[in-house]
Amino acid sequence: MPHVVIKTLSGPTKEALQKAADQISDIVNKTLGKPKKYISVSVEEYAFDEWEGVYKEYIEGKDNVLIKPGYSDPKIFQ
C-alpha cells in the first residue's frame, strides 16, 4: 500500500519507465506521507490497437480517474 499502476502505449525505454516509477514513488511518499518501503509501482504496456479496451475498462466514465484525458476517442486520441 499504496500500489500505482502505469498503463501506457508500448514504446518508452526501460530507463524512462524506471525514471517515471521512481518519481511517482517520490511524489506518493511526499504527498501522502507513505514510507517508500510500502510503495510499489508497476507498468503495463499496450499496443495501440489495445488502447481502446484499456480506455473503456479503466478510464471512460470512471469516478476514480482524477485527471481525465484530453481525448474522448481512443482510436485517434481526439
N, C-alpha and C. Protein backbone atom coordinates (compact mmCIF):
# COMPACT_ATOMS: atom_id res chain seq x y z
N MET A 1 0.82 -1.18 0.00
CA MET A 1 0.00 0.00 0.00
C MET A 1 0.86 1.23 0.00
N PRO A 2 0.69 2.15 -0.79
CA PRO A 2 -0.15 2.11 -1.98
C PRO A 2 0.58 1.49 -3.17
N HIS A 3 -0.22 1.03 -4.12
CA HIS A 3 0.31 0.48 -5.37
C HIS A 3 -0.20 1.34 -6.51
N VAL A 4 0.71 1.79 -7.36
CA VAL A 4 0.38 2.64 -8.50
C VAL A 4 0.64 1.85 -9.77
N VAL A 5 -0.31 1.89 -10.70
CA VAL A 5 -0.15 1.20 -11.99
C VAL A 5 -0.06 2.24 -13.09
N ILE A 6 0.99 2.15 -13.89
CA ILE A 6 1.13 3.00 -15.07
C ILE A 6 0.70 2.16 -16.27
N LYS A 7 -0.35 2.57 -16.94
CA LYS A 7 -0.80 1.91 -18.17
C LYS A 7 -0.42 2.85 -19.31
N THR A 8 0.34 2.35 -20.26
CA THR A 8 0.84 3.21 -21.33
C THR A 8 0.94 2.45 -22.63
N LEU A 9 0.98 3.19 -23.72
CA LEU A 9 1.28 2.56 -25.01
C LEU A 9 2.73 2.09 -24.98
N SER A 10 3.01 1.01 -25.64
CA SER A 10 4.38 0.50 -25.74
C SER A 10 5.26 1.54 -26.39
N GLY A 11 6.51 1.56 -26.00
CA GLY A 11 7.43 2.46 -26.66
C GLY A 11 8.46 3.09 -25.77
N PRO A 12 8.08 3.57 -24.56
CA PRO A 12 9.10 4.19 -23.72
C PRO A 12 10.21 3.19 -23.38
N THR A 13 11.41 3.69 -23.23
CA THR A 13 12.53 2.82 -22.85
C THR A 13 12.37 2.36 -21.41
N LYS A 14 13.07 1.28 -21.08
CA LYS A 14 13.06 0.78 -19.70
C LYS A 14 13.55 1.87 -18.74
N GLU A 15 14.55 2.61 -19.21
CA GLU A 15 15.11 3.67 -18.38
C GLU A 15 14.08 4.76 -18.12
N ALA A 16 13.33 5.15 -19.14
CA ALA A 16 12.30 6.18 -18.98
C ALA A 16 11.19 5.69 -18.05
N LEU A 17 10.79 4.44 -18.20
CA LEU A 17 9.75 3.88 -17.33
C LEU A 17 10.23 3.81 -15.88
N GLN A 18 11.48 3.42 -15.69
CA GLN A 18 12.05 3.37 -14.33
C GLN A 18 12.09 4.76 -13.71
N LYS A 19 12.50 5.75 -14.50
CA LYS A 19 12.55 7.13 -14.01
C LYS A 19 11.16 7.61 -13.60
N ALA A 20 10.15 7.32 -14.42
CA ALA A 20 8.77 7.70 -14.09
C ALA A 20 8.33 7.02 -12.80
N ALA A 21 8.61 5.73 -12.68
CA ALA A 21 8.22 4.98 -11.48
C ALA A 21 8.91 5.56 -10.24
N ASP A 22 10.19 5.88 -10.35
CA ASP A 22 10.92 6.46 -9.22
C ASP A 22 10.32 7.80 -8.81
N GLN A 23 10.00 8.63 -9.80
CA GLN A 23 9.44 9.94 -9.49
C GLN A 23 8.04 9.83 -8.89
N ILE A 24 7.24 8.90 -9.39
CA ILE A 24 5.90 8.67 -8.82
C ILE A 24 6.03 8.20 -7.38
N SER A 25 6.95 7.30 -7.12
CA SER A 25 7.19 6.83 -5.75
C SER A 25 7.57 7.98 -4.84
N ASP A 26 8.43 8.86 -5.32
CA ASP A 26 8.83 10.03 -4.53
C ASP A 26 7.63 10.92 -4.22
N ILE A 27 6.80 11.16 -5.20
CA ILE A 27 5.63 12.03 -5.02
C ILE A 27 4.65 11.41 -4.03
N VAL A 28 4.40 10.11 -4.16
CA VAL A 28 3.49 9.44 -3.23
C VAL A 28 4.05 9.53 -1.81
N ASN A 29 5.33 9.34 -1.68
CA ASN A 29 5.98 9.45 -0.37
C ASN A 29 5.79 10.85 0.22
N LYS A 30 6.04 11.87 -0.59
CA LYS A 30 5.98 13.24 -0.09
C LYS A 30 4.56 13.73 0.14
N THR A 31 3.63 13.41 -0.74
CA THR A 31 2.29 13.98 -0.64
C THR A 31 1.34 13.17 0.24
N LEU A 32 1.52 11.86 0.27
CA LEU A 32 0.63 11.02 1.08
C LEU A 32 1.29 10.57 2.37
N GLY A 33 2.58 10.87 2.50
CA GLY A 33 3.29 10.52 3.73
C GLY A 33 3.49 9.03 3.94
N LYS A 34 3.52 8.28 2.86
CA LYS A 34 3.73 6.84 2.97
C LYS A 34 5.20 6.52 2.83
N PRO A 35 5.75 5.71 3.73
CA PRO A 35 7.16 5.33 3.61
C PRO A 35 7.42 4.61 2.28
N LYS A 36 8.57 4.89 1.70
CA LYS A 36 8.89 4.31 0.38
C LYS A 36 8.90 2.79 0.41
N LYS A 37 9.19 2.18 1.56
CA LYS A 37 9.22 0.73 1.61
C LYS A 37 7.84 0.12 1.41
N TYR A 38 6.78 0.92 1.52
CA TYR A 38 5.42 0.43 1.33
C TYR A 38 4.85 0.75 -0.05
N ILE A 39 5.57 1.51 -0.86
CA ILE A 39 5.08 1.95 -2.16
C ILE A 39 5.58 1.02 -3.25
N SER A 40 4.66 0.62 -4.13
CA SER A 40 5.06 -0.17 -5.30
C SER A 40 4.46 0.47 -6.54
N VAL A 41 5.18 0.33 -7.64
CA VAL A 41 4.76 0.89 -8.92
C VAL A 41 4.98 -0.17 -9.99
N SER A 42 3.95 -0.43 -10.78
CA SER A 42 4.10 -1.37 -11.89
C SER A 42 3.76 -0.68 -13.20
N VAL A 43 4.20 -1.28 -14.31
CA VAL A 43 3.96 -0.74 -15.64
C VAL A 43 3.30 -1.81 -16.48
N GLU A 44 2.25 -1.41 -17.19
CA GLU A 44 1.59 -2.28 -18.15
C GLU A 44 1.62 -1.56 -19.50
N GLU A 45 2.27 -2.20 -20.47
CA GLU A 45 2.38 -1.60 -21.80
C GLU A 45 1.39 -2.27 -22.75
N TYR A 46 0.80 -1.45 -23.61
CA TYR A 46 -0.22 -1.93 -24.55
C TYR A 46 0.11 -1.47 -25.96
N ALA A 47 -0.28 -2.30 -26.93
CA ALA A 47 -0.18 -1.91 -28.33
C ALA A 47 -1.28 -0.89 -28.62
N PHE A 48 -1.08 -0.07 -29.64
CA PHE A 48 -2.06 0.96 -29.99
C PHE A 48 -3.46 0.38 -30.16
N ASP A 49 -3.56 -0.77 -30.82
CA ASP A 49 -4.89 -1.35 -31.07
C ASP A 49 -5.54 -1.93 -29.82
N GLU A 50 -4.81 -2.03 -28.72
CA GLU A 50 -5.37 -2.49 -27.45
C GLU A 50 -5.87 -1.34 -26.58
N TRP A 51 -5.45 -0.12 -26.91
CA TRP A 51 -5.72 1.00 -26.02
C TRP A 51 -7.21 1.31 -25.86
N GLU A 52 -8.00 1.11 -26.89
CA GLU A 52 -9.44 1.36 -26.77
C GLU A 52 -10.04 0.53 -25.63
N GLY A 53 -9.62 -0.72 -25.52
CA GLY A 53 -10.09 -1.58 -24.44
C GLY A 53 -9.66 -1.07 -23.07
N VAL A 54 -8.43 -0.60 -22.96
CA VAL A 54 -7.94 -0.03 -21.72
C VAL A 54 -8.77 1.21 -21.36
N TYR A 55 -8.99 2.06 -22.35
CA TYR A 55 -9.76 3.29 -22.14
C TYR A 55 -11.16 2.98 -21.63
N LYS A 56 -11.82 2.05 -22.29
CA LYS A 56 -13.19 1.72 -21.91
C LYS A 56 -13.27 1.04 -20.54
N GLU A 57 -12.29 0.21 -20.20
CA GLU A 57 -12.33 -0.50 -18.93
C GLU A 57 -11.88 0.34 -17.74
N TYR A 58 -10.86 1.16 -17.93
CA TYR A 58 -10.24 1.82 -16.79
C TYR A 58 -10.42 3.34 -16.73
N ILE A 59 -10.83 3.97 -17.82
CA ILE A 59 -10.86 5.44 -17.86
C ILE A 59 -12.26 6.00 -18.07
N GLU A 60 -12.89 5.59 -19.15
CA GLU A 60 -14.17 6.17 -19.55
C GLU A 60 -15.23 6.04 -18.45
N GLY A 61 -15.76 7.18 -18.02
CA GLY A 61 -16.85 7.19 -17.05
C GLY A 61 -16.50 6.78 -15.64
N LYS A 62 -15.24 6.66 -15.33
CA LYS A 62 -14.81 6.21 -14.00
C LYS A 62 -14.61 7.41 -13.07
N ASP A 63 -15.25 7.36 -11.92
CA ASP A 63 -15.13 8.43 -10.94
C ASP A 63 -13.76 8.48 -10.28
N ASN A 64 -13.04 7.37 -10.27
CA ASN A 64 -11.73 7.34 -9.62
C ASN A 64 -10.61 7.86 -10.51
N VAL A 65 -10.91 8.21 -11.76
CA VAL A 65 -9.90 8.83 -12.63
C VAL A 65 -9.90 10.32 -12.30
N LEU A 66 -8.92 10.74 -11.53
CA LEU A 66 -8.89 12.11 -11.02
C LEU A 66 -8.40 13.13 -12.05
N ILE A 67 -7.61 12.69 -13.00
CA ILE A 67 -7.20 13.56 -14.11
C ILE A 67 -7.68 12.88 -15.38
N LYS A 68 -8.65 13.50 -16.03
CA LYS A 68 -9.24 12.93 -17.24
C LYS A 68 -8.36 13.25 -18.44
N PRO A 69 -8.30 12.32 -19.41
CA PRO A 69 -7.52 12.61 -20.61
C PRO A 69 -8.20 13.68 -21.46
N GLY A 70 -7.42 14.32 -22.29
CA GLY A 70 -7.95 15.36 -23.17
C GLY A 70 -8.51 14.84 -24.47
N TYR A 71 -8.88 13.57 -24.51
CA TYR A 71 -9.48 12.98 -25.69
C TYR A 71 -10.66 12.11 -25.26
N SER A 72 -11.59 11.89 -26.17
CA SER A 72 -12.71 11.02 -25.86
C SER A 72 -12.80 9.86 -26.85
N ASP A 73 -11.95 9.90 -27.88
CA ASP A 73 -11.91 8.81 -28.85
C ASP A 73 -10.51 8.19 -28.84
N PRO A 74 -10.36 7.05 -28.16
CA PRO A 74 -9.04 6.44 -28.03
C PRO A 74 -8.49 5.86 -29.33
N LYS A 75 -9.29 5.79 -30.36
CA LYS A 75 -8.79 5.29 -31.64
C LYS A 75 -7.93 6.32 -32.35
N ILE A 76 -8.23 7.59 -32.11
CA ILE A 76 -7.48 8.67 -32.78
C ILE A 76 -6.98 9.72 -31.79
N PHE A 77 -7.20 9.49 -30.51
CA PHE A 77 -6.79 10.40 -29.45
C PHE A 77 -7.28 11.83 -29.66
N GLN A 78 -8.59 11.93 -30.01
CA GLN A 78 -9.23 13.25 -30.13
C GLN A 78 -10.51 13.27 -29.36
